[in-house]
Amino acid sequence: MNIMDLLKSGQRASIFFQKEDNIVEISCYIDKIYDDRLVLELPQYFMRYIEFLSVGKALTVKIFSKIGTIDFNTVIITSPLEDEFSIELDYNAIKLTPNSEIPSIEALETIIIKIDDENTLKERTFQLSTSFIKFYSDKQLKVGSSYPCELIFSDNYGKIEFTVTLTEVDPVYDNEYTAVCSKMTEEDRQKLLYYMYLYSNNMD
Protein backbone atom coordinates (compact mmCIF):
# COMPACT_ATOMS: atom_id res chain seq x y z
CA MET A 1 0.00 0.00 0.00
CA ASN A 2 1.19 3.53 -0.78
CA ILE A 3 0.59 5.72 2.28
CA MET A 4 0.54 8.79 0.03
CA ASP A 5 -2.63 7.46 -1.58
CA LEU A 6 -4.42 7.98 1.75
CA LEU A 7 -3.80 11.72 1.68
CA LYS A 8 -5.21 14.43 -0.56
CA SER A 9 -5.48 18.19 -0.62
CA GLY A 10 -8.56 19.56 1.09
CA GLN A 11 -8.84 16.82 3.70
CA ARG A 12 -9.82 18.06 7.13
CA ALA A 13 -7.16 17.62 9.81
CA SER A 14 -6.50 18.48 13.45
CA ILE A 15 -3.19 19.05 15.17
CA PHE A 16 -2.78 18.41 18.89
CA PHE A 17 -0.11 19.59 21.34
CA GLN A 18 0.37 20.09 25.06
CA LYS A 19 -0.10 23.56 26.59
CA GLU A 20 0.53 23.52 30.32
CA ASP A 21 -2.05 21.05 31.67
CA ASN A 22 -4.28 21.10 28.57
CA ILE A 23 -4.26 19.50 25.15
CA VAL A 24 -4.88 22.08 22.43
CA GLU A 25 -6.62 21.09 19.18
CA ILE A 26 -6.32 23.27 16.08
CA SER A 27 -8.56 22.40 13.12
CA CYS A 28 -7.00 22.86 9.71
CA TYR A 29 -6.84 21.43 6.18
CA ILE A 30 -4.19 19.79 4.01
CA ASP A 31 -2.97 22.36 1.49
CA LYS A 32 -0.16 20.50 -0.33
CA ILE A 33 1.39 17.03 -0.19
CA TYR A 34 5.07 16.32 -0.86
CA ASP A 35 7.13 13.14 -0.57
CA ASP A 36 8.53 14.13 2.82
CA ARG A 37 6.07 16.64 4.27
CA LEU A 38 2.54 17.99 4.41
CA VAL A 39 1.65 21.66 4.12
CA LEU A 40 -1.29 22.57 6.37
CA GLU A 41 -3.62 25.54 6.08
CA LEU A 42 -4.12 26.93 9.59
CA PRO A 43 -7.08 28.99 10.85
CA GLN A 44 -6.65 32.70 11.54
CA TYR A 45 -6.44 32.22 15.31
CA PHE A 46 -3.18 30.26 15.09
CA MET A 47 -1.16 33.29 16.28
CA ARG A 48 -2.29 32.77 19.88
CA TYR A 49 -0.37 29.46 19.80
CA ILE A 50 2.63 30.62 17.77
CA GLU A 51 5.16 29.60 20.44
CA PHE A 52 4.02 25.98 20.05
CA LEU A 53 4.16 26.07 16.24
CA SER A 54 7.87 26.75 15.77
CA VAL A 55 10.31 24.53 13.89
CA GLY A 56 11.21 21.32 15.72
CA LYS A 57 8.13 21.18 17.95
CA ALA A 58 6.36 17.81 18.19
CA LEU A 59 2.68 17.41 17.28
CA THR A 60 0.05 14.73 16.89
CA VAL A 61 -2.00 14.95 13.69
CA LYS A 62 -5.36 13.39 12.84
CA ILE A 63 -6.63 13.46 9.25
CA PHE A 64 -10.28 12.55 8.79
CA SER A 65 -11.82 10.17 6.27
CA LYS A 66 -15.18 8.48 5.78
CA ILE A 67 -14.11 5.24 7.46
CA GLY A 68 -11.75 6.47 10.16
CA THR A 69 -8.89 8.77 11.09
CA ILE A 70 -5.31 8.73 9.87
CA ASP A 71 -3.18 9.30 12.97
CA PHE A 72 0.53 10.06 13.27
CA ASN A 73 3.07 11.87 15.42
CA THR A 74 5.25 14.40 13.63
CA VAL A 75 7.49 17.47 13.98
CA ILE A 76 7.17 20.95 12.49
CA ILE A 77 9.51 21.63 9.57
CA THR A 78 8.53 25.22 8.73
CA SER A 79 6.58 27.56 10.99
CA PRO A 80 3.41 29.43 10.00
CA LEU A 81 5.45 32.67 10.01
CA GLU A 82 7.18 31.40 6.87
CA ASP A 83 5.58 30.97 3.45
CA GLU A 84 4.21 27.53 4.36
CA PHE A 85 3.43 25.68 7.58
CA SER A 86 4.71 22.16 7.00
CA ILE A 87 5.14 19.03 9.07
CA GLU A 88 7.27 15.95 8.56
CA LEU A 89 5.62 13.00 6.83
CA ASP A 90 6.88 9.84 8.58
CA TYR A 91 5.71 6.72 6.73
CA ASN A 92 6.37 4.57 9.81
CA ALA A 93 4.22 6.75 12.08
CA ILE A 94 0.95 6.62 10.16
CA LYS A 95 -1.96 4.44 11.24
CA LEU A 96 -5.56 4.28 10.04
CA THR A 97 -7.99 3.90 12.95
CA PRO A 98 -11.65 2.99 12.35
CA ASN A 99 -14.50 5.17 13.50
CA SER A 100 -16.59 4.06 16.49
CA GLU A 101 -18.97 2.34 14.07
CA ILE A 102 -17.61 -0.61 12.13
CA PRO A 103 -16.64 0.79 8.72
CA SER A 104 -17.77 -1.17 5.68
CA ILE A 105 -17.80 -0.70 1.93
CA GLU A 106 -19.54 -2.34 -1.02
CA ALA A 107 -16.81 -4.01 -3.07
CA LEU A 108 -16.56 -6.89 -5.52
CA GLU A 109 -13.32 -8.67 -4.61
CA THR A 110 -12.18 -12.27 -4.94
CA ILE A 111 -12.27 -14.46 -1.83
CA ILE A 112 -10.69 -17.92 -1.75
CA ILE A 113 -12.35 -20.18 0.85
CA LYS A 114 -10.56 -23.37 1.85
CA ILE A 115 -13.25 -25.98 2.53
CA ASP A 116 -10.73 -28.75 3.26
CA ASP A 117 -7.25 -29.88 2.16
CA GLU A 118 -8.48 -30.71 -1.34
CA ASN A 119 -11.37 -28.31 -1.98
CA THR A 120 -11.45 -24.53 -2.30
CA LEU A 121 -14.09 -22.08 -3.46
CA LYS A 122 -13.34 -18.94 -5.48
CA GLU A 123 -16.14 -16.48 -4.76
CA ARG A 124 -16.92 -12.76 -4.94
CA THR A 125 -17.57 -10.43 -2.03
CA PHE A 126 -20.18 -7.70 -2.10
CA GLN A 127 -19.41 -6.05 1.25
CA LEU A 128 -16.14 -5.71 3.18
CA SER A 129 -15.31 -4.72 6.75
CA THR A 130 -12.63 -5.62 9.29
CA SER A 131 -15.16 -7.52 11.43
CA PHE A 132 -17.47 -9.20 8.91
CA ILE A 133 -17.62 -9.95 5.22
CA LYS A 134 -20.44 -10.71 2.79
CA PHE A 135 -20.00 -12.82 -0.31
CA TYR A 136 -21.84 -14.76 -3.00
CA SER A 137 -21.65 -18.55 -3.32
CA ASP A 138 -23.78 -21.02 -5.27
CA LYS A 139 -22.47 -23.83 -3.08
CA GLN A 140 -24.62 -24.63 -0.04
CA LEU A 141 -22.62 -23.74 3.05
CA LYS A 142 -23.62 -24.43 6.64
CA VAL A 143 -24.16 -21.55 9.07
CA GLY A 144 -21.75 -21.92 11.99
CA SER A 145 -18.99 -23.47 9.88
CA SER A 146 -15.53 -21.88 9.91
CA TYR A 147 -13.01 -21.80 7.05
CA PRO A 148 -9.57 -20.27 6.43
CA CYS A 149 -9.66 -17.88 3.51
CA GLU A 150 -7.74 -15.35 1.44
CA LEU A 151 -9.10 -12.02 0.28
CA ILE A 152 -7.51 -10.96 -3.01
CA PHE A 153 -7.50 -7.20 -3.61
CA SER A 154 -7.85 -5.70 -7.07
CA ASP A 155 -5.32 -3.32 -8.65
CA ASN A 156 -2.36 -5.45 -7.47
CA TYR A 157 -2.79 -4.49 -3.81
CA GLY A 158 -2.05 -8.07 -2.76
CA LYS A 159 -4.03 -10.25 -0.38
CA ILE A 160 -4.75 -10.91 3.30
CA GLU A 161 -5.56 -14.10 5.22
CA PHE A 162 -8.04 -14.75 8.02
CA THR A 163 -10.77 -17.15 9.14
CA VAL A 164 -14.47 -16.73 8.38
CA THR A 165 -17.34 -18.16 10.41
CA LEU A 166 -20.65 -18.20 8.56
CA THR A 167 -23.37 -16.45 10.55
CA GLU A 168 -26.22 -15.87 8.11
CA VAL A 169 -27.69 -16.81 4.75
CA ASP A 170 -29.95 -14.19 3.19
CA PRO A 171 -33.57 -15.38 3.58
CA VAL A 172 -34.45 -14.25 0.05
CA TYR A 173 -31.20 -14.68 -1.89
CA ASP A 174 -29.87 -18.02 -0.70
CA ASN A 175 -26.49 -17.47 -2.38
CA GLU A 176 -25.62 -14.42 -0.22
CA TYR A 177 -23.65 -15.22 2.92
CA THR A 178 -22.51 -13.15 5.90
CA ALA A 179 -19.46 -14.28 7.86
CA VAL A 180 -17.55 -12.99 10.89
CA CYS A 181 -13.80 -12.49 10.44
CA SER A 182 -11.27 -13.76 12.98
CA LYS A 183 -7.54 -14.59 13.22
CA MET A 184 -6.66 -11.49 11.20
CA THR A 185 -3.27 -9.97 12.03
CA GLU A 186 -3.05 -6.28 12.85
CA GLU A 187 -0.90 -5.79 9.75
CA ASP A 188 -3.59 -7.35 7.56
CA ARG A 189 -6.30 -5.34 9.34
CA GLN A 190 -4.44 -2.13 8.51
CA LYS A 191 -3.99 -3.30 4.92
CA LEU A 192 -7.74 -3.94 4.64
CA LEU A 193 -8.57 -0.54 6.14
CA TYR A 194 -6.20 1.20 3.73
CA TYR A 195 -7.78 -0.64 0.81
CA MET A 196 -11.30 0.23 1.99
CA TYR A 197 -10.26 3.87 2.27
CA LEU A 198 -8.76 3.93 -1.22
CA TYR A 199 -11.67 2.02 -2.74
CA SER A 200 -14.30 4.31 -1.20
CA ASN A 201 -12.38 7.41 -2.33
CA ASN A 202 -12.15 6.07 -5.89
CA MET A 203 -15.92 5.56 -5.88
CA ASP A 204 -16.58 9.22 -5.01
C-alpha atoms as a PDB file:
ATOM      1  CA  MET A   1       0.000   0.000   0.000  1.00  0.00           C
ATOM      2  CA  ASN A   2       1.191   3.527  -0.778  1.00  0.00           C
ATOM      3  CA  ILE A   3       0.594   5.719   2.276  1.00  0.00           C
ATOM      4  CA  MET A   4       0.544   8.787   0.034  1.00  0.00           C
ATOM      5  CA  ASP A   5      -2.632   7.455  -1.579  1.00  0.00           C
ATOM      6  CA  LEU A   6      -4.416   7.981   1.747  1.00  0.00           C
ATOM      7  CA  LEU A   7      -3.803  11.723   1.682  1.00  0.00           C
ATOM      8  CA  LYS A   8      -5.207  14.427  -0.564  1.00  0.00           C
ATOM      9  CA  SER A   9      -5.478  18.190  -0.623  1.00  0.00           C
ATOM     10  CA  GLY A  10      -8.563  19.557   1.086  1.00  0.00           C
ATOM     11  CA  GLN A  11      -8.837  16.818   3.698  1.00  0.00           C
ATOM     12  CA  ARG A  12      -9.815  18.065   7.132  1.00  0.00           C
ATOM     13  CA  ALA A  13      -7.164  17.618   9.806  1.00  0.00           C
ATOM     14  CA  SER A  14      -6.502  18.478  13.450  1.00  0.00           C
ATOM     15  CA  ILE A  15      -3.187  19.055  15.171  1.00  0.00           C
ATOM     16  CA  PHE A  16      -2.782  18.409  18.893  1.00  0.00           C
ATOM     17  CA  PHE A  17      -0.112  19.592  21.336  1.00  0.00           C
ATOM     18  CA  GLN A  18       0.369  20.090  25.055  1.00  0.00           C
ATOM     19  CA  LYS A  19      -0.096  23.556  26.589  1.00  0.00           C
ATOM     20  CA  GLU A  20       0.531  23.522  30.325  1.00  0.00           C
ATOM     21  CA  ASP A  21      -2.052  21.048  31.671  1.00  0.00           C
ATOM     22  CA  ASN A  22      -4.283  21.104  28.573  1.00  0.00           C
ATOM     23  CA  ILE A  23      -4.263  19.496  25.149  1.00  0.00           C
ATOM     24  CA  VAL A  24      -4.885  22.084  22.425  1.00  0.00           C
ATOM     25  CA  GLU A  25      -6.616  21.092  19.184  1.00  0.00           C
ATOM     26  CA  ILE A  26      -6.324  23.272  16.077  1.00  0.00           C
ATOM     27  CA  SER A  27      -8.557  22.398  13.117  1.00  0.00           C
ATOM     28  CA  CYS A  28      -7.001  22.862   9.705  1.00  0.00           C
ATOM     29  CA  TYR A  29      -6.838  21.432   6.175  1.00  0.00           C
ATOM     30  CA  ILE A  30      -4.190  19.794   4.010  1.00  0.00           C
ATOM     31  CA  ASP A  31      -2.969  22.358   1.488  1.00  0.00           C
ATOM     32  CA  LYS A  32      -0.156  20.497  -0.328  1.00  0.00           C
ATOM     33  CA  ILE A  33       1.394  17.032  -0.193  1.00  0.00           C
ATOM     34  CA  TYR A  34       5.071  16.320  -0.858  1.00  0.00           C
ATOM     35  CA  ASP A  35       7.129  13.141  -0.573  1.00  0.00           C
ATOM     36  CA  ASP A  36       8.526  14.128   2.819  1.00  0.00           C
ATOM     37  CA  ARG A  37       6.072  16.641   4.269  1.00  0.00           C
ATOM     38  CA  LEU A  38       2.538  17.988   4.413  1.00  0.00           C
ATOM     39  CA  VAL A  39       1.647  21.663   4.116  1.00  0.00           C
ATOM     40  CA  LEU A  40      -1.289  22.569   6.365  1.00  0.00           C
ATOM     41  CA  GLU A  41      -3.620  25.544   6.081  1.00  0.00           C
ATOM     42  CA  LEU A  42      -4.120  26.928   9.591  1.00  0.00           C
ATOM     43  CA  PRO A  43      -7.084  28.993  10.852  1.00  0.00           C
ATOM     44  CA  GLN A  44      -6.653  32.696  11.539  1.00  0.00           C
ATOM     45  CA  TYR A  45      -6.445  32.219  15.313  1.00  0.00           C
ATOM     46  CA  PHE A  46      -3.177  30.261  15.089  1.00  0.00           C
ATOM     47  CA  MET A  47      -1.156  33.286  16.284  1.00  0.00           C
ATOM     48  CA  ARG A  48      -2.287  32.765  19.884  1.00  0.00           C
ATOM     49  CA  TYR A  49      -0.367  29.463  19.805  1.00  0.00           C
ATOM     50  CA  ILE A  50       2.626  30.616  17.768  1.00  0.00           C
ATOM     51  CA  GLU A  51       5.164  29.598  20.438  1.00  0.00           C
ATOM     52  CA  PHE A  52       4.016  25.982  20.054  1.00  0.00           C
ATOM     53  CA  LEU A  53       4.163  26.074  16.245  1.00  0.00           C
ATOM     54  CA  SER A  54       7.866  26.745  15.771  1.00  0.00           C
ATOM     55  CA  VAL A  55      10.306  24.531  13.886  1.00  0.00           C
ATOM     56  CA  GLY A  56      11.215  21.322  15.719  1.00  0.00           C
ATOM     57  CA  LYS A  57       8.130  21.183  17.953  1.00  0.00           C
ATOM     58  CA  ALA A  58       6.360  17.810  18.192  1.00  0.00           C
ATOM     59  CA  LEU A  59       2.680  17.409  17.280  1.00  0.00           C
ATOM     60  CA  THR A  60       0.053  14.735  16.887  1.00  0.00           C
ATOM     61  CA  VAL A  61      -1.999  14.948  13.691  1.00  0.00           C
ATOM     62  CA  LYS A  62      -5.361  13.386  12.836  1.00  0.00           C
ATOM     63  CA  ILE A  63      -6.630  13.458   9.249  1.00  0.00           C
ATOM     64  CA  PHE A  64     -10.283  12.548   8.794  1.00  0.00           C
ATOM     65  CA  SER A  65     -11.819  10.171   6.274  1.00  0.00           C
ATOM     66  CA  LYS A  66     -15.179   8.483   5.782  1.00  0.00           C
ATOM     67  CA  ILE A  67     -14.106   5.240   7.465  1.00  0.00           C
ATOM     68  CA  GLY A  68     -11.746   6.469  10.159  1.00  0.00           C
ATOM     69  CA  THR A  69      -8.891   8.768  11.093  1.00  0.00           C
ATOM     70  CA  ILE A  70      -5.310   8.735   9.868  1.00  0.00           C
ATOM     71  CA  ASP A  71      -3.176   9.305  12.972  1.00  0.00           C
ATOM     72  CA  PHE A  72       0.531  10.059  13.268  1.00  0.00           C
ATOM     73  CA  ASN A  73       3.070  11.865  15.415  1.00  0.00           C
ATOM     74  CA  THR A  74       5.255  14.401  13.630  1.00  0.00           C
ATOM     75  CA  VAL A  75       7.491  17.475  13.975  1.00  0.00           C
ATOM     76  CA  ILE A  76       7.171  20.951  12.492  1.00  0.00           C
ATOM     77  CA  ILE A  77       9.515  21.631   9.567  1.00  0.00           C
ATOM     78  CA  THR A  78       8.527  25.221   8.726  1.00  0.00           C
ATOM     79  CA  SER A  79       6.583  27.564  10.990  1.00  0.00           C
ATOM     80  CA  PRO A  80       3.408  29.434  10.000  1.00  0.00           C
ATOM     81  CA  LEU A  81       5.451  32.666  10.009  1.00  0.00           C
ATOM     82  CA  GLU A  82       7.183  31.401   6.870  1.00  0.00           C
ATOM     83  CA  ASP A  83       5.584  30.970   3.446  1.00  0.00           C
ATOM     84  CA  GLU A  84       4.211  27.527   4.362  1.00  0.00           C
ATOM     85  CA  PHE A  85       3.426  25.680   7.582  1.00  0.00           C
ATOM     86  CA  SER A  86       4.709  22.163   6.999  1.00  0.00           C
ATOM     87  CA  ILE A  87       5.141  19.031   9.073  1.00  0.00           C
ATOM     88  CA  GLU A  88       7.274  15.947   8.558  1.00  0.00           C
ATOM     89  CA  LEU A  89       5.617  12.999   6.829  1.00  0.00           C
ATOM     90  CA  ASP A  90       6.881   9.844   8.578  1.00  0.00           C
ATOM     91  CA  TYR A  91       5.708   6.722   6.731  1.00  0.00           C
ATOM     92  CA  ASN A  92       6.368   4.574   9.805  1.00  0.00           C
ATOM     93  CA  ALA A  93       4.222   6.752  12.080  1.00  0.00           C
ATOM     94  CA  ILE A  94       0.949   6.620  10.163  1.00  0.00           C
ATOM     95  CA  LYS A  95      -1.964   4.440  11.240  1.00  0.00           C
ATOM     96  CA  LEU A  96      -5.562   4.283  10.038  1.00  0.00           C
ATOM     97  CA  THR A  97      -7.994   3.904  12.950  1.00  0.00           C
ATOM     98  CA  PRO A  98     -11.655   2.991  12.348  1.00  0.00           C
ATOM     99  CA  ASN A  99     -14.505   5.172  13.504  1.00  0.00           C
ATOM    100  CA  SER A 100     -16.588   4.055  16.486  1.00  0.00           C
ATOM    101  CA  GLU A 101     -18.971   2.344  14.072  1.00  0.00           C
ATOM    102  CA  ILE A 102     -17.607  -0.615  12.129  1.00  0.00           C
ATOM    103  CA  PRO A 103     -16.642   0.791   8.716  1.00  0.00           C
ATOM    104  CA  SER A 104     -17.773  -1.174   5.678  1.00  0.00           C
ATOM    105  CA  ILE A 105     -17.804  -0.696   1.925  1.00  0.00           C
ATOM    106  CA  GLU A 106     -19.539  -2.340  -1.024  1.00  0.00           C
ATOM    107  CA  ALA A 107     -16.814  -4.012  -3.069  1.00  0.00           C
ATOM    108  CA  LEU A 108     -16.555  -6.889  -5.515  1.00  0.00           C
ATOM    109  CA  GLU A 109     -13.322  -8.667  -4.610  1.00  0.00           C
ATOM    110  CA  THR A 110     -12.177 -12.270  -4.940  1.00  0.00           C
ATOM    111  CA  ILE A 111     -12.267 -14.459  -1.831  1.00  0.00           C
ATOM    112  CA  ILE A 112     -10.695 -17.923  -1.752  1.00  0.00           C
ATOM    113  CA  ILE A 113     -12.349 -20.176   0.850  1.00  0.00           C
ATOM    114  CA  LYS A 114     -10.555 -23.368   1.855  1.00  0.00           C
ATOM    115  CA  ILE A 115     -13.253 -25.978   2.531  1.00  0.00           C
ATOM    116  CA  ASP A 116     -10.727 -28.752   3.264  1.00  0.00           C
ATOM    117  CA  ASP A 117      -7.252 -29.878   2.158  1.00  0.00           C
ATOM    118  CA  GLU A 118      -8.480 -30.709  -1.337  1.00  0.00           C
ATOM    119  CA  ASN A 119     -11.367 -28.308  -1.982  1.00  0.00           C
ATOM    120  CA  THR A 120     -11.451 -24.534  -2.304  1.00  0.00           C
ATOM    121  CA  LEU A 121     -14.088 -22.079  -3.464  1.00  0.00           C
ATOM    122  CA  LYS A 122     -13.341 -18.944  -5.481  1.00  0.00           C
ATOM    123  CA  GLU A 123     -16.138 -16.476  -4.764  1.00  0.00           C
ATOM    124  CA  ARG A 124     -16.919 -12.757  -4.938  1.00  0.00           C
ATOM    125  CA  THR A 125     -17.568 -10.432  -2.029  1.00  0.00           C
ATOM    126  CA  PHE A 126     -20.185  -7.700  -2.102  1.00  0.00           C
ATOM    127  CA  GLN A 127     -19.409  -6.055   1.252  1.00  0.00           C
ATOM    128  CA  LEU A 128     -16.138  -5.713   3.185  1.00  0.00           C
ATOM    129  CA  SER A 129     -15.308  -4.715   6.748  1.00  0.00           C
ATOM    130  CA  THR A 130     -12.633  -5.619   9.289  1.00  0.00           C
ATOM    131  CA  SER A 131     -15.162  -7.523  11.427  1.00  0.00           C
ATOM    132  CA  PHE A 132     -17.474  -9.196   8.913  1.00  0.00           C
ATOM    133  CA  ILE A 133     -17.620  -9.951   5.223  1.00  0.00           C
ATOM    134  CA  LYS A 134     -20.443 -10.706   2.788  1.00  0.00           C
ATOM    135  CA  PHE A 135     -19.997 -12.819  -0.314  1.00  0.00           C
ATOM    136  CA  TYR A 136     -21.837 -14.763  -3.000  1.00  0.00           C
ATOM    137  CA  SER A 137     -21.653 -18.554  -3.324  1.00  0.00           C
ATOM    138  CA  ASP A 138     -23.783 -21.016  -5.269  1.00  0.00           C
ATOM    139  CA  LYS A 139     -22.465 -23.830  -3.079  1.00  0.00           C
ATOM    140  CA  GLN A 140     -24.617 -24.628  -0.044  1.00  0.00           C
ATOM    141  CA  LEU A 141     -22.620 -23.736   3.053  1.00  0.00           C
ATOM    142  CA  LYS A 142     -23.622 -24.435   6.640  1.00  0.00           C
ATOM    143  CA  VAL A 143     -24.161 -21.546   9.073  1.00  0.00           C
ATOM    144  CA  GLY A 144     -21.745 -21.917  11.992  1.00  0.00           C
ATOM    145  CA  SER A 145     -18.987 -23.465   9.876  1.00  0.00           C
ATOM    146  CA  SER A 146     -15.527 -21.880   9.907  1.00  0.00           C
ATOM    147  CA  TYR A 147     -13.014 -21.803   7.050  1.00  0.00           C
ATOM    148  CA  PRO A 148      -9.575 -20.272   6.430  1.00  0.00           C
ATOM    149  CA  CYS A 149      -9.659 -17.885   3.505  1.00  0.00           C
ATOM    150  CA  GLU A 150      -7.736 -15.352   1.440  1.00  0.00           C
ATOM    151  CA  LEU A 151      -9.100 -12.016   0.283  1.00  0.00           C
ATOM    152  CA  ILE A 152      -7.510 -10.958  -3.009  1.00  0.00           C
ATOM    153  CA  PHE A 153      -7.503  -7.196  -3.607  1.00  0.00           C
ATOM    154  CA  SER A 154      -7.848  -5.704  -7.066  1.00  0.00           C
ATOM    155  CA  ASP A 155      -5.325  -3.321  -8.651  1.00  0.00           C
ATOM    156  CA  ASN A 156      -2.360  -5.451  -7.473  1.00  0.00           C
ATOM    157  CA  TYR A 157      -2.793  -4.492  -3.810  1.00  0.00           C
ATOM    158  CA  GLY A 158      -2.050  -8.068  -2.763  1.00  0.00           C
ATOM    159  CA  LYS A 159      -4.029 -10.246  -0.376  1.00  0.00           C
ATOM    160  CA  ILE A 160      -4.750 -10.908   3.299  1.00  0.00           C
ATOM    161  CA  GLU A 161      -5.560 -14.096   5.225  1.00  0.00           C
ATOM    162  CA  PHE A 162      -8.041 -14.745   8.024  1.00  0.00           C
ATOM    163  CA  THR A 163     -10.768 -17.147   9.138  1.00  0.00           C
ATOM    164  CA  VAL A 164     -14.469 -16.731   8.383  1.00  0.00           C
ATOM    165  CA  THR A 165     -17.337 -18.162  10.411  1.00  0.00           C
ATOM    166  CA  LEU A 166     -20.649 -18.197   8.557  1.00  0.00           C
ATOM    167  CA  THR A 167     -23.368 -16.445  10.549  1.00  0.00           C
ATOM    168  CA  GLU A 168     -26.220 -15.868   8.110  1.00  0.00           C
ATOM    169  CA  VAL A 169     -27.688 -16.806   4.748  1.00  0.00           C
ATOM    170  CA  ASP A 170     -29.952 -14.194   3.192  1.00  0.00           C
ATOM    171  CA  PRO A 171     -33.574 -15.375   3.582  1.00  0.00           C
ATOM    172  CA  VAL A 172     -34.453 -14.248   0.051  1.00  0.00           C
ATOM    173  CA  TYR A 173     -31.203 -14.675  -1.893  1.00  0.00           C
ATOM    174  CA  ASP A 174     -29.867 -18.021  -0.697  1.00  0.00           C
ATOM    175  CA  ASN A 175     -26.493 -17.473  -2.379  1.00  0.00           C
ATOM    176  CA  GLU A 176     -25.623 -14.417  -0.222  1.00  0.00           C
ATOM    177  CA  TYR A 177     -23.649 -15.219   2.923  1.00  0.00           C
ATOM    178  CA  THR A 178     -22.514 -13.152   5.895  1.00  0.00           C
ATOM    179  CA  ALA A 179     -19.458 -14.281   7.863  1.00  0.00           C
ATOM    180  CA  VAL A 180     -17.552 -12.994  10.894  1.00  0.00           C
ATOM    181  CA  CYS A 181     -13.798 -12.490  10.439  1.00  0.00           C
ATOM    182  CA  SER A 182     -11.269 -13.757  12.981  1.00  0.00           C
ATOM    183  CA  LYS A 183      -7.544 -14.591  13.222  1.00  0.00           C
ATOM    184  CA  MET A 184      -6.657 -11.489  11.197  1.00  0.00           C
ATOM    185  CA  THR A 185      -3.273  -9.971  12.030  1.00  0.00           C
ATOM    186  CA  GLU A 186      -3.047  -6.275  12.847  1.00  0.00           C
ATOM    187  CA  GLU A 187      -0.897  -5.788   9.751  1.00  0.00           C
ATOM    188  CA  ASP A 188      -3.585  -7.352   7.555  1.00  0.00           C
ATOM    189  CA  ARG A 189      -6.299  -5.344   9.342  1.00  0.00           C
ATOM    190  CA  GLN A 190      -4.442  -2.128   8.510  1.00  0.00           C
ATOM    191  CA  LYS A 191      -3.992  -3.302   4.925  1.00  0.00           C
ATOM    192  CA  LEU A 192      -7.739  -3.944   4.641  1.00  0.00           C
ATOM    193  CA  LEU A 193      -8.568  -0.544   6.143  1.00  0.00           C
ATOM    194  CA  TYR A 194      -6.202   1.196   3.729  1.00  0.00           C
ATOM    195  CA  TYR A 195      -7.781  -0.635   0.809  1.00  0.00           C
ATOM    196  CA  MET A 196     -11.302   0.226   1.990  1.00  0.00           C
ATOM    197  CA  TYR A 197     -10.264   3.872   2.266  1.00  0.00           C
ATOM    198  CA  LEU A 198      -8.756   3.935  -1.218  1.00  0.00           C
ATOM    199  CA  TYR A 199     -11.671   2.019  -2.744  1.00  0.00           C
ATOM    200  CA  SER A 200     -14.295   4.309  -1.202  1.00  0.00           C
ATOM    201  CA  ASN A 201     -12.382   7.408  -2.331  1.00  0.00           C
ATOM    202  CA  ASN A 202     -12.152   6.068  -5.892  1.00  0.00           C
ATOM    203  CA  MET A 203     -15.921   5.562  -5.883  1.00  0.00           C
ATOM    204  CA  ASP A 204     -16.578   9.222  -5.008  1.00  0.00           C
END
